[in-house]
Amino acid sequence: MLDTATYTPRLKSLYRETIKPALKEEFGYKNDMQIPRLEKIVLNIGCGAESVRDSKKAKAAVEDLTAIAGQQAVATMAKKSIAGFRVREGMTLGAKVTLRGDRMYDFLDRLITVAMPRIRDFRGVKPAFDGRGNFAMGVKEHIVFPEINFDKVDEVWGLDIIMVTNAATDAEAKSLLKHFNMPFNA
């Protein structure tokens, strides 16, 4: 049994002990509150046309995302009816979850050390920043996570991963993620 009172995620302690001082020296911050940090990680699975034909697909996506995140996922609903796609307002089209704190660091650790090495033909992650220090990436198959039982999966989903930082620039955010050993290809 894991003692949650004394448990600290590996990457959280790495950030406090190693990454913060390195970033402070690298960018010459005068105040510790200027040092970039991870705010949250948002995970999203969009089922699209699959869930229109079969509503059980969206429920499966919610269950899979809950298993990956270790936290209950929320079903995402259609905001408008679109007749051409046979989508009605309020129809479940996917799932999302926002991770913060210890769960965020645990997920990032599993993503970098376990899931990414399992991706076929993996040559690193393309740096995709939004200009405000936030990083977005996609995983084509959610089955790269060990929490998903491959034999029970009837549909393979893509997974969007957005890492929100409080960094002022993309260079600071990229440096932060590089210190977490994010395998950038450029």
N, C-alpha and C. Protein backbone atom coordinates (compact mmCIF):
# COMPACT_ATOMS: atom_id res chain seq x y z
N MET A 1 0.84 -1.19 0.00
CA MET A 1 0.00 0.00 0.00
C MET A 1 0.88 1.24 0.00
N LEU A 2 0.52 2.19 -0.80
CA LEU A 2 1.28 3.44 -0.94
C LEU A 2 0.87 4.41 0.15
N ASP A 3 1.85 4.90 0.90
CA ASP A 3 1.58 5.89 1.94
C ASP A 3 1.54 7.27 1.30
N THR A 4 0.34 7.82 1.12
CA THR A 4 0.19 9.10 0.41
C THR A 4 0.70 10.28 1.22
N ALA A 5 0.85 10.12 2.52
CA ALA A 5 1.34 11.23 3.35
C ALA A 5 2.83 11.50 3.08
N THR A 6 3.59 10.46 2.77
CA THR A 6 5.03 10.63 2.54
C THR A 6 5.42 10.49 1.07
N TYR A 7 4.48 10.13 0.21
CA TYR A 7 4.78 9.91 -1.21
C TYR A 7 4.94 11.24 -1.94
N THR A 8 6.04 11.37 -2.66
CA THR A 8 6.27 12.50 -3.55
C THR A 8 6.67 11.94 -4.91
N PRO A 9 5.99 12.36 -5.99
CA PRO A 9 6.36 11.85 -7.30
C PRO A 9 7.83 12.15 -7.63
N ARG A 10 8.43 11.25 -8.38
CA ARG A 10 9.84 11.35 -8.73
C ARG A 10 10.14 12.66 -9.47
N LEU A 11 9.31 13.01 -10.44
CA LEU A 11 9.56 14.23 -11.21
C LEU A 11 9.32 15.50 -10.40
N LYS A 12 8.45 15.43 -9.41
CA LYS A 12 8.20 16.60 -8.56
C LYS A 12 9.44 16.90 -7.71
N SER A 13 10.03 15.87 -7.13
CA SER A 13 11.24 16.09 -6.35
C SER A 13 12.42 16.45 -7.26
N LEU A 14 12.47 15.90 -8.47
CA LEU A 14 13.50 16.27 -9.43
C LEU A 14 13.37 17.76 -9.79
N TYR A 15 12.14 18.22 -9.95
CA TYR A 15 11.92 19.64 -10.26
C TYR A 15 12.42 20.53 -9.12
N ARG A 16 12.05 20.17 -7.90
CA ARG A 16 12.44 20.99 -6.75
C ARG A 16 13.96 21.02 -6.54
N GLU A 17 14.60 19.86 -6.66
CA GLU A 17 16.02 19.74 -6.29
C GLU A 17 16.98 20.08 -7.43
N THR A 18 16.62 19.78 -8.67
CA THR A 18 17.55 19.91 -9.78
C THR A 18 17.11 20.94 -10.83
N ILE A 19 15.88 20.84 -11.27
CA ILE A 19 15.42 21.65 -12.40
C ILE A 19 15.28 23.12 -12.03
N LYS A 20 14.68 23.42 -10.88
CA LYS A 20 14.52 24.82 -10.47
C LYS A 20 15.85 25.57 -10.41
N PRO A 21 16.87 25.02 -9.72
CA PRO A 21 18.15 25.73 -9.70
C PRO A 21 18.79 25.87 -11.10
N ALA A 22 18.63 24.84 -11.93
CA ALA A 22 19.21 24.90 -13.28
C ALA A 22 18.53 25.98 -14.12
N LEU A 23 17.20 26.08 -14.03
CA LEU A 23 16.49 27.11 -14.79
C LEU A 23 16.80 28.50 -14.26
N LYS A 24 16.96 28.61 -12.93
CA LYS A 24 17.27 29.91 -12.33
C LYS A 24 18.63 30.41 -12.83
N GLU A 25 19.57 29.48 -12.94
CA GLU A 25 20.90 29.85 -13.43
C GLU A 25 20.88 30.12 -14.94
N GLU A 26 20.15 29.28 -15.69
CA GLU A 26 20.11 29.39 -17.15
C GLU A 26 19.51 30.72 -17.61
N PHE A 27 18.42 31.14 -16.99
CA PHE A 27 17.73 32.35 -17.43
C PHE A 27 17.99 33.56 -16.53
N GLY A 28 18.75 33.39 -15.45
CA GLY A 28 19.12 34.49 -14.58
C GLY A 28 17.96 35.12 -13.82
N TYR A 29 17.05 34.26 -13.33
CA TYR A 29 15.92 34.78 -12.56
C TYR A 29 16.40 35.29 -11.21
N LYS A 30 15.82 36.36 -10.75
CA LYS A 30 16.17 36.92 -9.45
C LYS A 30 15.24 36.41 -8.35
N ASN A 31 14.04 35.98 -8.75
CA ASN A 31 13.03 35.54 -7.80
C ASN A 31 12.61 34.12 -8.15
N ASP A 32 12.41 33.27 -7.14
CA ASP A 32 12.00 31.88 -7.39
C ASP A 32 10.63 31.78 -8.06
N MET A 33 9.78 32.78 -7.88
CA MET A 33 8.45 32.74 -8.49
C MET A 33 8.49 32.99 -10.00
N GLN A 34 9.61 33.45 -10.52
CA GLN A 34 9.76 33.65 -11.96
C GLN A 34 10.08 32.34 -12.68
N ILE A 35 10.54 31.36 -11.95
CA ILE A 35 10.96 30.09 -12.55
C ILE A 35 9.74 29.37 -13.12
N PRO A 36 9.80 28.97 -14.40
CA PRO A 36 8.66 28.26 -15.01
C PRO A 36 8.36 26.94 -14.30
N ARG A 37 7.08 26.61 -14.26
CA ARG A 37 6.66 25.33 -13.69
C ARG A 37 5.44 24.81 -14.46
N LEU A 38 5.20 23.55 -14.33
CA LEU A 38 4.03 22.94 -14.95
C LEU A 38 2.80 23.30 -14.12
N GLU A 39 1.77 23.81 -14.76
CA GLU A 39 0.52 24.14 -14.08
C GLU A 39 -0.44 22.96 -14.11
N LYS A 40 -0.65 22.42 -15.33
CA LYS A 40 -1.58 21.30 -15.50
C LYS A 40 -1.29 20.58 -16.80
N ILE A 41 -1.83 19.36 -16.90
CA ILE A 41 -1.77 18.58 -18.13
C ILE A 41 -3.21 18.19 -18.47
N VAL A 42 -3.63 18.50 -19.69
CA VAL A 42 -4.99 18.20 -20.13
C VAL A 42 -4.91 17.08 -21.17
N LEU A 43 -5.68 16.02 -20.95
CA LEU A 43 -5.75 14.89 -21.88
C LEU A 43 -7.11 14.88 -22.55
N ASN A 44 -7.16 14.57 -23.84
CA ASN A 44 -8.40 14.60 -24.58
C ASN A 44 -8.43 13.46 -25.59
N ILE A 45 -9.57 12.76 -25.64
CA ILE A 45 -9.82 11.76 -26.68
C ILE A 45 -11.09 12.20 -27.41
N GLY A 46 -10.99 12.33 -28.72
CA GLY A 46 -12.16 12.65 -29.53
C GLY A 46 -12.59 11.42 -30.31
N CYS A 47 -13.82 10.99 -30.12
CA CYS A 47 -14.31 9.78 -30.79
C CYS A 47 -14.89 10.10 -32.17
N GLY A 48 -15.48 11.28 -32.31
CA GLY A 48 -16.03 11.71 -33.59
C GLY A 48 -17.13 10.83 -34.11
N ALA A 49 -17.01 10.42 -35.36
CA ALA A 49 -18.05 9.67 -36.05
C ALA A 49 -18.30 8.29 -35.42
N GLU A 50 -17.28 7.74 -34.77
CA GLU A 50 -17.45 6.42 -34.14
C GLU A 50 -18.55 6.45 -33.07
N SER A 51 -18.57 7.52 -32.27
CA SER A 51 -19.55 7.59 -31.19
C SER A 51 -20.94 7.94 -31.70
N VAL A 52 -21.04 8.49 -32.91
CA VAL A 52 -22.35 8.79 -33.49
C VAL A 52 -23.06 7.49 -33.82
N ARG A 53 -22.32 6.54 -34.40
CA ARG A 53 -22.90 5.25 -34.76
C ARG A 53 -23.17 4.37 -33.54
N ASP A 54 -22.28 4.43 -32.55
CA ASP A 54 -22.41 3.56 -31.38
C ASP A 54 -22.04 4.33 -30.13
N SER A 55 -23.01 4.57 -29.26
CA SER A 55 -22.77 5.38 -28.05
C SER A 55 -21.86 4.67 -27.04
N LYS A 56 -21.72 3.36 -27.18
CA LYS A 56 -20.84 2.62 -26.27
C LYS A 56 -19.37 2.96 -26.51
N LYS A 57 -19.04 3.42 -27.72
CA LYS A 57 -17.65 3.80 -28.04
C LYS A 57 -17.21 4.97 -27.18
N ALA A 58 -18.08 5.95 -26.98
CA ALA A 58 -17.75 7.12 -26.16
C ALA A 58 -17.56 6.70 -24.70
N LYS A 59 -18.39 5.78 -24.23
CA LYS A 59 -18.24 5.28 -22.85
C LYS A 59 -16.92 4.54 -22.69
N ALA A 60 -16.52 3.79 -23.70
CA ALA A 60 -15.24 3.08 -23.68
C ALA A 60 -14.08 4.07 -23.65
N ALA A 61 -14.21 5.17 -24.41
CA ALA A 61 -13.17 6.20 -24.42
C ALA A 61 -13.03 6.84 -23.04
N VAL A 62 -14.16 7.10 -22.37
CA VAL A 62 -14.13 7.67 -21.02
C VAL A 62 -13.44 6.70 -20.06
N GLU A 63 -13.76 5.42 -20.15
CA GLU A 63 -13.14 4.41 -19.27
C GLU A 63 -11.65 4.29 -19.53
N ASP A 64 -11.24 4.29 -20.81
CA ASP A 64 -9.82 4.19 -21.14
C ASP A 64 -9.05 5.41 -20.65
N LEU A 65 -9.61 6.60 -20.84
CA LEU A 65 -8.93 7.81 -20.40
C LEU A 65 -8.85 7.87 -18.87
N THR A 66 -9.87 7.37 -18.19
CA THR A 66 -9.84 7.29 -16.73
C THR A 66 -8.71 6.37 -16.28
N ALA A 67 -8.53 5.25 -16.96
CA ALA A 67 -7.45 4.31 -16.62
C ALA A 67 -6.09 4.93 -16.86
N ILE A 68 -5.93 5.65 -17.96
CA ILE A 68 -4.64 6.27 -18.30
C ILE A 68 -4.29 7.36 -17.30
N ALA A 69 -5.27 8.21 -16.98
CA ALA A 69 -5.02 9.37 -16.13
C ALA A 69 -4.98 9.04 -14.64
N GLY A 70 -5.66 7.99 -14.23
CA GLY A 70 -5.75 7.69 -12.80
C GLY A 70 -6.71 8.63 -12.09
N GLN A 71 -7.59 9.23 -12.86
CA GLN A 71 -8.55 10.20 -12.34
C GLN A 71 -9.78 10.12 -13.25
N GLN A 72 -10.96 10.34 -12.70
CA GLN A 72 -12.19 10.20 -13.48
C GLN A 72 -12.23 11.19 -14.64
N ALA A 73 -12.44 10.67 -15.85
CA ALA A 73 -12.55 11.51 -17.04
C ALA A 73 -13.98 12.00 -17.20
N VAL A 74 -14.13 13.11 -17.90
CA VAL A 74 -15.44 13.71 -18.14
C VAL A 74 -15.78 13.54 -19.60
N ALA A 75 -17.02 13.14 -19.88
CA ALA A 75 -17.47 13.01 -21.26
C ALA A 75 -17.65 14.40 -21.87
N THR A 76 -17.21 14.58 -23.11
CA THR A 76 -17.41 15.86 -23.80
C THR A 76 -18.62 15.73 -24.71
N MET A 77 -19.45 16.75 -24.68
CA MET A 77 -20.73 16.73 -25.41
C MET A 77 -20.68 17.69 -26.61
N ALA A 78 -21.49 17.38 -27.61
CA ALA A 78 -21.63 18.26 -28.77
C ALA A 78 -22.37 19.52 -28.36
N LYS A 79 -21.85 20.68 -28.78
CA LYS A 79 -22.49 21.95 -28.44
C LYS A 79 -23.61 22.29 -29.40
N LYS A 80 -23.48 21.84 -30.65
CA LYS A 80 -24.48 22.14 -31.67
C LYS A 80 -24.87 20.86 -32.41
N SER A 81 -26.05 20.86 -32.97
CA SER A 81 -26.47 19.78 -33.84
C SER A 81 -25.94 20.04 -35.24
N ILE A 82 -25.36 19.01 -35.87
CA ILE A 82 -24.86 19.13 -37.23
C ILE A 82 -25.45 17.96 -38.02
N ALA A 83 -26.43 18.28 -38.86
CA ALA A 83 -27.18 17.25 -39.57
C ALA A 83 -26.29 16.45 -40.51
N GLY A 84 -25.34 17.10 -41.17
CA GLY A 84 -24.47 16.42 -42.12
C GLY A 84 -23.63 15.33 -41.47
N PHE A 85 -23.31 15.49 -40.20
CA PHE A 85 -22.53 14.49 -39.48
C PHE A 85 -23.39 13.61 -38.57
N ARG A 86 -24.70 13.82 -38.59
CA ARG A 86 -25.66 13.09 -37.74
C ARG A 86 -25.36 13.29 -36.26
N VAL A 87 -24.92 14.49 -35.91
CA VAL A 87 -24.61 14.82 -34.52
C VAL A 87 -25.74 15.68 -33.97
N ARG A 88 -26.24 15.30 -32.79
CA ARG A 88 -27.26 16.09 -32.12
C ARG A 88 -26.66 16.78 -30.91
N GLU A 89 -27.21 17.92 -30.56
CA GLU A 89 -26.73 18.67 -29.40
C GLU A 89 -26.82 17.80 -28.15
N GLY A 90 -25.75 17.79 -27.36
CA GLY A 90 -25.72 17.00 -26.13
C GLY A 90 -25.21 15.58 -26.30
N MET A 91 -24.91 15.18 -27.53
CA MET A 91 -24.41 13.83 -27.79
C MET A 91 -22.96 13.73 -27.32
N THR A 92 -22.60 12.61 -26.70
CA THR A 92 -21.24 12.40 -26.22
C THR A 92 -20.32 12.11 -27.40
N LEU A 93 -19.24 12.93 -27.51
CA LEU A 93 -18.32 12.78 -28.64
C LEU A 93 -16.89 12.48 -28.23
N GLY A 94 -16.61 12.42 -26.93
CA GLY A 94 -15.25 12.15 -26.50
C GLY A 94 -15.12 12.22 -24.99
N ALA A 95 -13.88 12.39 -24.53
CA ALA A 95 -13.59 12.45 -23.10
C ALA A 95 -12.40 13.35 -22.86
N LYS A 96 -12.36 13.98 -21.70
CA LYS A 96 -11.23 14.82 -21.32
C LYS A 96 -10.99 14.72 -19.82
N VAL A 97 -9.76 15.04 -19.42
CA VAL A 97 -9.41 15.06 -18.00
C VAL A 97 -8.27 16.06 -17.82
N THR A 98 -8.32 16.78 -16.71
CA THR A 98 -7.28 17.75 -16.37
C THR A 98 -6.54 17.24 -15.14
N LEU A 99 -5.22 17.11 -15.26
CA LEU A 99 -4.39 16.61 -14.16
C LEU A 99 -3.59 17.76 -13.56
N ARG A 100 -3.54 17.82 -12.25
CA ARG A 100 -2.74 18.81 -11.53
C ARG A 100 -2.03 18.11 -10.38
N GLY A 101 -1.03 18.77 -9.85
CA GLY A 101 -0.36 18.26 -8.66
C GLY A 101 0.37 16.95 -8.88
N ASP A 102 0.29 16.06 -7.89
CA ASP A 102 1.02 14.80 -7.92
C ASP A 102 0.62 13.91 -9.10
N ARG A 103 -0.68 13.86 -9.42
CA ARG A 103 -1.14 13.03 -10.55
C ARG A 103 -0.55 13.52 -11.86
N MET A 104 -0.38 14.83 -11.98
CA MET A 104 0.21 15.41 -13.19
C MET A 104 1.65 14.93 -13.34
N TYR A 105 2.43 15.00 -12.26
CA TYR A 105 3.83 14.57 -12.32
C TYR A 105 3.92 13.06 -12.55
N ASP A 106 3.03 12.27 -11.95
CA ASP A 106 3.03 10.82 -12.18
C ASP A 106 2.73 10.50 -13.65
N PHE A 107 1.75 11.20 -14.22
CA PHE A 107 1.41 10.97 -15.62
C PHE A 107 2.57 11.34 -16.53
N LEU A 108 3.19 12.49 -16.29
CA LEU A 108 4.32 12.93 -17.11
C LEU A 108 5.46 11.92 -17.04
N ASP A 109 5.71 11.38 -15.87
CA ASP A 109 6.75 10.36 -15.69
C ASP A 109 6.43 9.12 -16.52
N ARG A 110 5.18 8.64 -16.43
CA ARG A 110 4.78 7.46 -17.21
C ARG A 110 4.81 7.73 -18.70
N LEU A 111 4.44 8.95 -19.10
CA LEU A 111 4.45 9.30 -20.52
C LEU A 111 5.87 9.24 -21.08
N ILE A 112 6.81 9.85 -20.37
CA ILE A 112 8.18 9.96 -20.88
C ILE A 112 8.95 8.65 -20.76
N THR A 113 8.80 7.94 -19.64
CA THR A 113 9.63 6.75 -19.41
C THR A 113 9.00 5.44 -19.89
N VAL A 114 7.67 5.38 -19.97
CA VAL A 114 7.03 4.11 -20.33
C VAL A 114 6.32 4.18 -21.68
N ALA A 115 5.45 5.17 -21.88
CA ALA A 115 4.61 5.18 -23.07
C ALA A 115 5.37 5.57 -24.34
N MET A 116 6.17 6.64 -24.28
CA MET A 116 6.87 7.08 -25.49
C MET A 116 7.83 6.04 -26.07
N PRO A 117 8.58 5.31 -25.24
CA PRO A 117 9.42 4.26 -25.82
C PRO A 117 8.63 3.13 -26.49
N ARG A 118 7.34 3.01 -26.18
CA ARG A 118 6.51 1.95 -26.77
C ARG A 118 5.88 2.38 -28.09
N ILE A 119 6.04 3.64 -28.48
CA ILE A 119 5.47 4.13 -29.73
C ILE A 119 6.30 3.59 -30.90
N ARG A 120 5.60 3.05 -31.90
CA ARG A 120 6.29 2.50 -33.07
C ARG A 120 6.98 3.60 -33.86
N ASP A 121 8.18 3.34 -34.35
CA ASP A 121 8.97 4.27 -35.16
C ASP A 121 9.10 5.64 -34.50
N PHE A 122 9.37 5.65 -33.21
CA PHE A 122 9.44 6.91 -32.46
C PHE A 122 10.80 7.56 -32.68
N ARG A 123 10.77 8.81 -33.16
CA ARG A 123 12.00 9.55 -33.40
C ARG A 123 12.02 10.86 -32.62
N GLY A 124 11.24 10.95 -31.58
CA GLY A 124 11.19 12.17 -30.78
C GLY A 124 9.91 12.94 -31.03
N VAL A 125 9.72 13.98 -30.23
CA VAL A 125 8.51 14.78 -30.29
C VAL A 125 8.82 16.09 -30.99
N LYS A 126 7.97 16.48 -31.92
CA LYS A 126 8.14 17.77 -32.61
C LYS A 126 7.74 18.88 -31.63
N PRO A 127 8.61 19.87 -31.44
CA PRO A 127 8.27 20.96 -30.52
C PRO A 127 7.11 21.80 -31.07
N ALA A 128 5.95 21.71 -30.43
CA ALA A 128 4.76 22.44 -30.87
C ALA A 128 4.28 23.31 -29.71
N PHE A 129 4.79 24.54 -29.69
CA PHE A 129 4.42 25.49 -28.63
C PHE A 129 3.48 26.53 -29.20
N ASP A 130 2.68 27.16 -28.34
CA ASP A 130 1.65 28.09 -28.80
C ASP A 130 2.05 29.56 -28.71
N GLY A 131 3.27 29.86 -28.31
CA GLY A 131 3.70 31.24 -28.19
C GLY A 131 3.57 31.79 -26.79
N ARG A 132 2.88 31.06 -25.92
CA ARG A 132 2.70 31.48 -24.53
C ARG A 132 3.29 30.48 -23.54
N GLY A 133 4.11 29.56 -24.04
CA GLY A 133 4.76 28.60 -23.17
C GLY A 133 4.00 27.33 -22.92
N ASN A 134 2.96 27.05 -23.72
CA ASN A 134 2.20 25.82 -23.58
C ASN A 134 2.58 24.87 -24.70
N PHE A 135 2.64 23.58 -24.38
CA PHE A 135 3.09 22.56 -25.32
C PHE A 135 1.96 21.58 -25.60
N ALA A 136 1.76 21.25 -26.87
CA ALA A 136 0.73 20.29 -27.26
C ALA A 136 1.36 19.19 -28.10
N MET A 137 0.90 17.99 -27.87
CA MET A 137 1.37 16.84 -28.65
C MET A 137 0.24 15.83 -28.78
N GLY A 138 0.40 14.94 -29.71
CA GLY A 138 -0.60 13.90 -29.91
C GLY A 138 0.05 12.53 -29.91
N VAL A 139 -0.71 11.55 -29.45
CA VAL A 139 -0.30 10.15 -29.50
C VAL A 139 -1.33 9.45 -30.38
N LYS A 140 -0.88 8.76 -31.42
CA LYS A 140 -1.82 8.17 -32.38
C LYS A 140 -2.59 6.98 -31.82
N GLU A 141 -1.96 6.26 -30.89
CA GLU A 141 -2.61 5.07 -30.32
C GLU A 141 -2.54 5.15 -28.81
N HIS A 142 -3.69 5.12 -28.16
CA HIS A 142 -3.72 5.20 -26.70
C HIS A 142 -3.27 3.90 -26.05
N ILE A 143 -3.08 2.86 -26.84
CA ILE A 143 -2.71 1.56 -26.29
C ILE A 143 -1.24 1.48 -25.89
N VAL A 144 -0.46 2.56 -26.11
CA VAL A 144 0.94 2.57 -25.69
C VAL A 144 1.06 2.69 -24.17
N PHE A 145 -0.02 3.06 -23.50
CA PHE A 145 0.01 3.16 -22.04
C PHE A 145 -0.24 1.78 -21.44
N PRO A 146 0.56 1.39 -20.44
CA PRO A 146 0.44 0.04 -19.88
C PRO A 146 -0.87 -0.20 -19.13
N GLU A 147 -1.60 0.85 -18.78
CA GLU A 147 -2.87 0.68 -18.06
C GLU A 147 -3.96 0.12 -18.95
N ILE A 148 -3.78 0.20 -20.25
CA ILE A 148 -4.78 -0.27 -21.20
C ILE A 148 -4.49 -1.73 -21.55
N ASN A 149 -5.48 -2.58 -21.31
CA ASN A 149 -5.37 -3.99 -21.65
C ASN A 149 -5.64 -4.13 -23.15
N PHE A 150 -4.59 -4.47 -23.89
CA PHE A 150 -4.67 -4.53 -25.35
C PHE A 150 -5.73 -5.49 -25.85
N ASP A 151 -5.95 -6.60 -25.14
CA ASP A 151 -6.90 -7.62 -25.57
C ASP A 151 -8.35 -7.15 -25.47
N LYS A 152 -8.63 -6.21 -24.57
CA LYS A 152 -10.01 -5.77 -24.36
C LYS A 152 -10.36 -4.51 -25.15
N VAL A 153 -9.40 -3.99 -25.93
CA VAL A 153 -9.64 -2.77 -26.69
C VAL A 153 -10.30 -3.12 -28.02
N ASP A 154 -11.46 -2.51 -28.29
CA ASP A 154 -12.12 -2.73 -29.57
C ASP A 154 -11.88 -1.58 -30.54
N GLU A 155 -11.48 -0.43 -30.03
CA GLU A 155 -11.20 0.74 -30.86
C GLU A 155 -9.94 1.42 -30.35
N VAL A 156 -9.02 1.78 -31.26
CA VAL A 156 -7.80 2.48 -30.89
C VAL A 156 -8.03 3.97 -31.10
N TRP A 157 -7.84 4.74 -30.04
CA TRP A 157 -8.08 6.19 -30.09
C TRP A 157 -6.78 6.95 -30.15
N GLY A 158 -6.86 8.14 -30.70
CA GLY A 158 -5.76 9.09 -30.62
C GLY A 158 -5.92 9.87 -29.32
N LEU A 159 -4.83 10.38 -28.80
CA LEU A 159 -4.86 11.08 -27.52
C LEU A 159 -4.13 12.41 -27.66
N ASP A 160 -4.82 13.51 -27.32
CA ASP A 160 -4.21 14.84 -27.31
C ASP A 160 -3.69 15.11 -25.91
N ILE A 161 -2.46 15.62 -25.81
CA ILE A 161 -1.85 15.93 -24.53
C ILE A 161 -1.39 17.38 -24.57
N ILE A 162 -1.92 18.21 -23.68
CA ILE A 162 -1.55 19.62 -23.62
C ILE A 162 -0.91 19.87 -22.27
N MET A 163 0.32 20.39 -22.28
CA MET A 163 1.04 20.71 -21.05
C MET A 163 1.04 22.23 -20.89
N VAL A 164 0.38 22.71 -19.86
CA VAL A 164 0.26 24.14 -19.61
C VAL A 164 1.30 24.53 -18.57
N THR A 165 2.15 25.51 -18.94
CA THR A 165 3.17 26.00 -18.02
C THR A 165 2.90 27.47 -17.74
N ASN A 166 3.58 28.01 -16.76
CA ASN A 166 3.46 29.44 -16.50
C ASN A 166 4.66 30.19 -17.07
N ALA A 167 5.36 29.57 -18.02
CA ALA A 167 6.53 30.19 -18.65
C ALA A 167 6.09 31.36 -19.52
N ALA A 168 6.92 32.39 -19.55
CA ALA A 168 6.60 33.59 -20.33
C ALA A 168 6.86 33.39 -21.82
N THR A 169 7.84 32.56 -22.16
CA THR A 169 8.18 32.34 -23.56
C THR A 169 8.25 30.84 -23.87
N ASP A 170 8.24 30.55 -25.17
CA ASP A 170 8.36 29.15 -25.59
C ASP A 170 9.73 28.58 -25.27
N ALA A 171 10.77 29.40 -25.32
CA ALA A 171 12.13 28.93 -25.03
C ALA A 171 12.24 28.47 -23.57
N GLU A 172 11.61 29.22 -22.66
CA GLU A 172 11.62 28.82 -21.25
C GLU A 172 10.84 27.52 -21.04
N ALA A 173 9.70 27.41 -21.71
CA ALA A 173 8.89 26.19 -21.57
C ALA A 173 9.61 24.98 -22.16
N LYS A 174 10.28 25.17 -23.30
CA LYS A 174 11.02 24.07 -23.92
C LYS A 174 12.17 23.63 -23.02
N SER A 175 12.85 24.59 -22.41
CA SER A 175 13.94 24.27 -21.49
C SER A 175 13.42 23.50 -20.28
N LEU A 176 12.27 23.91 -19.76
CA LEU A 176 11.65 23.21 -18.63
C LEU A 176 11.36 21.76 -19.00
N LEU A 177 10.73 21.55 -20.15
CA LEU A 177 10.38 20.20 -20.56
C LEU A 177 11.61 19.36 -20.91
N LYS A 178 12.66 20.00 -21.45
CA LYS A 178 13.91 19.29 -21.72
C LYS A 178 14.54 18.79 -20.42
N HIS A 179 14.44 19.58 -19.37
CA HIS A 179 14.96 19.16 -18.08
C HIS A 179 14.18 17.96 -17.51
N PHE A 180 12.91 17.84 -17.91
CA PHE A 180 12.10 16.67 -17.53
C PHE A 180 12.40 15.48 -18.43
N ASN A 181 13.36 15.62 -19.37
CA ASN A 181 13.77 14.59 -20.34
C ASN A 181 12.72 14.34 -21.42
N MET A 182 11.98 15.38 -21.80
CA MET A 182 11.06 15.25 -22.93
C MET A 182 11.91 15.08 -24.19
N PRO A 183 11.70 14.00 -24.96
CA PRO A 183 12.56 13.72 -26.11
C PRO A 183 12.18 14.52 -27.35
N PHE A 184 12.63 15.77 -27.43
CA PHE A 184 12.38 16.60 -28.60
C PHE A 184 13.29 16.16 -29.73
N ASN A 185 12.80 16.21 -30.97
CA ASN A 185 13.59 15.79 -32.10
C ASN A 185 14.31 16.94 -32.79
N ALA A 186 14.04 18.17 -32.37
CA ALA A 186 14.73 19.32 -33.00
C ALA A 186 15.23 20.28 -31.94
